[in-house]
Amino acid sequence: MKRFLLSTALLAAAVFVLGGFLSRQYETRVYDLKTRLTSRPAPPDVVLAKIDQGSLDFYSREFGIGWPWPRSLYARAVDYLAFAGARAVILDMVFSEASYPDEDEWLARSLRASGRVFLPLFFLKGEGDDSGVERFALEAPPVPPRLERRDGRVQQQLGPLRDAARGGGNAQDDPERDGVYRRLRLFVGHRGRVFPSLALAAALHADPGLDLKRVPFAADGGLNLRFYRGGSFRDYAISELIQSQVRRQAGEEPVLPPAELRGKIVVIGATATALLDNRATPVNPVSSGFELHATAVANLLHGDFVRVLDPRLQWLLVLLLIALLNLFLSRLRTLPRQLLAALAAVLAALAGNVLLFRAGIDLDFIPLLAALASVTGYDAFQRYQQVRREKKFIEKAFKGYMSDSLLAEIMKNPRGLHLGGEKKRVTVFFSDLAGFTTLSEKLPAEEVVRVLNTYLERMTSIIIAEGGFVNKFEGDAIMAFWGAPLADGRQAARAMRAALRCQEDLLALNDEFAAAGLPRLGMRVGINSGEVIVGNIGSRQRFEYTVIGDAVNLASRLEGINKQYGTRIICGALAGEMAAAEIALRRLDRVRVKGKQVPEEIFEVAAVREGAGMPPRGLEEFDRGLRLYFSGDFSSAAGVFAALPDDPAARVFARRCAFLLADPPKDWDGVWTFTEK
């Protein structure tokens, strides 16, 4: 129980740090995805009247009227909406400067006669005039605890137009850090008064009974918008409204039947690209600003709200999830069941998160995902440790193994049993099996030992036949070396021949495994030559003849990075140089492996040459791409690698070139650094 509580506490602390960081980076993307997945059609009582490119072209072509339009055009649109019986009109345009007096008076007259038009105000932070806006302030409003105060100037409408409008509200709002609008502020403080947003002012007029206490605005007065499906607002071109009024006055049939607009809230705004009113939203990267007001009005009138859970409650749910999943996974016996349970938990959390959002409740998903990943990773690590302990047990069964060459050397010189060693150039061979952990989980222990013994027997027989010394086993891993205790001028070539033969023999062994209903195995090999310390290392009670040094560590790293390239055998530069006359090699990369600062040129061991001096076949095109890549010509290199789709290493370099093109390095030296073993 104590171990469970400790692990849960540590996991919770890790998730709090990691989940909080990742949430700040990626939660908005998840939020946008949930918005798109759950968006529904906009309600029919809120419609858009667009100042679109078609309307601009129509009046320019037919009447020679350019932009900006005379205000009498807006007046005709307002008049027709009043005639049609629109419930409220938001005219999202700023008329801050006087034009022709008769034009200004015409629009003011239409606004006054309509009695239902709302105009935008912009509460700014600089010094300036704010006269005439007092009447737009709310009476007995709610005051959010972190209400933003803008006590500077107010960019507002021309006085006669401002006074003729039914109301107005703040239209000045900022996007989030990524430039996307997801919320609008409903309130703004200005010189001791609270003013509504433009959308809220219109909504309060359209529904005088609107209860602001039921609106889930945030502490700063902001409201997360519940966006509707892109393009689902009913919309009209403003030219249709204007021409409908012209035709009505001429006694002709209007372009738009009045019944289509009766009882509607109409939001007029610009969509023409040249008018620069584009706003990015989760459902449309090129939406227009007036659509935000339309969305807010529809949300307020229909109660379409996104309620954000208190962060403290969210983290309490995360802690509960960690505890329950940690307890549940620890009781599962096998790795496949554990992975299946983790996958089910992730899918359930994702589905639940989306369903909650659809119901109007926003719960951050990234901390939940971080919790699931952390608990699953912790459990997998614990199981991995258990498998490693089992490998140690299997390793002990082979500790007594000693090659004939070493036995003969010891018999010649019994004093070689004393502790100590000498420096020698050797070639080190490391191999590991892909899929052994899964095999251990699926089969009974005795079957695992039988399969492993068969594999190790076949591989060690090849290594010994090629003159190598099998130094040790670490579960399914084999460490061998050439060049000690007896010197060998062909040590690197023999190590590579052994690796190639092992791969060939594994194919036949896999056929036997498959016929017995066992999974196929894959083998990775790392080979490296260099100066090491070789000798009997340990105590008088327990020692082993082995090699230590950087060359040994690098061979181990080379075995591991086969996974990065999709290769089977990788060797270091010195080993490649020593074996070049006998082995066909492919230059693969220049790398800096974990734990080493000096870069190393590495090669893929391809095949045994058919004759001395014969050049490798089929490697020229890859090498050409590699030269371009090393020179920094990533674009050309990407084209060469892309033309080799069947080559896993070429695909790796194609992706790497794309990454480097997107984020060019400052000082390119052609070396790729690995941060993992």
Foldseek 3Di string as FASTA:
>chain_A
DVVLVVVLVVLLVVLVVVLVVVCVVCLVVVVLVLLQVQFAFFDAQAFEAAQAPVVQCVCCVPPVAHPPGQLLLVLLLLQLLLVLAFQAEEEEDAAQDDDPVVSVVSNLVSQLVSLHYEYEKAQAQAADDDPPQVVQFDDPDDQQQQAAERAHHMRHHHVSNCVSHNHYFYLDDADPPVQARFKDAQWHHYPHTIGGHRLVSNLCSLPVPQDCVLQQADSHRMFGFSDHAPPNHHYHHSVQSSQQSVQVVVVHHRSDDSNSRHHHYYYYDYLYVVVPQFGQYSNHGGHGSSVVSSRSNSCRNVVQGAHEDDVVVLSVVLSVVLSVLLVVLVPDDFPVVLVVVLVVQLVVLVVVQSVVVSVRYHRRSSSNVSSSVSSSVVSVVVLVVVVLVVLVVLFVVCPPDWDPVVVVVCVVPVVLLDDDWDKWKKKKKKKAKPPLSVLPRPDPPVVSSVLLVVLVVVLVVLCVVLPWTFFTGRRSMTMIMPCPPHGDLLGLQSSLVSQVVSQVVLVVVQVVCVVVVHHRMAMAMFMEIDMWIWGWDDDSVDTGTDTDDPRNVVSVQRSVCCVLQVARYKYWDVSCVSNVQFWAKAFQFWEAEAPGDDITTMIGTDGTDPHGPDHDPPRVLLVVLLVCVQVVVLVVSLVSLVVCVVGSNSVSSNVVSVVCVVPPDPDRRRYYYDNDD
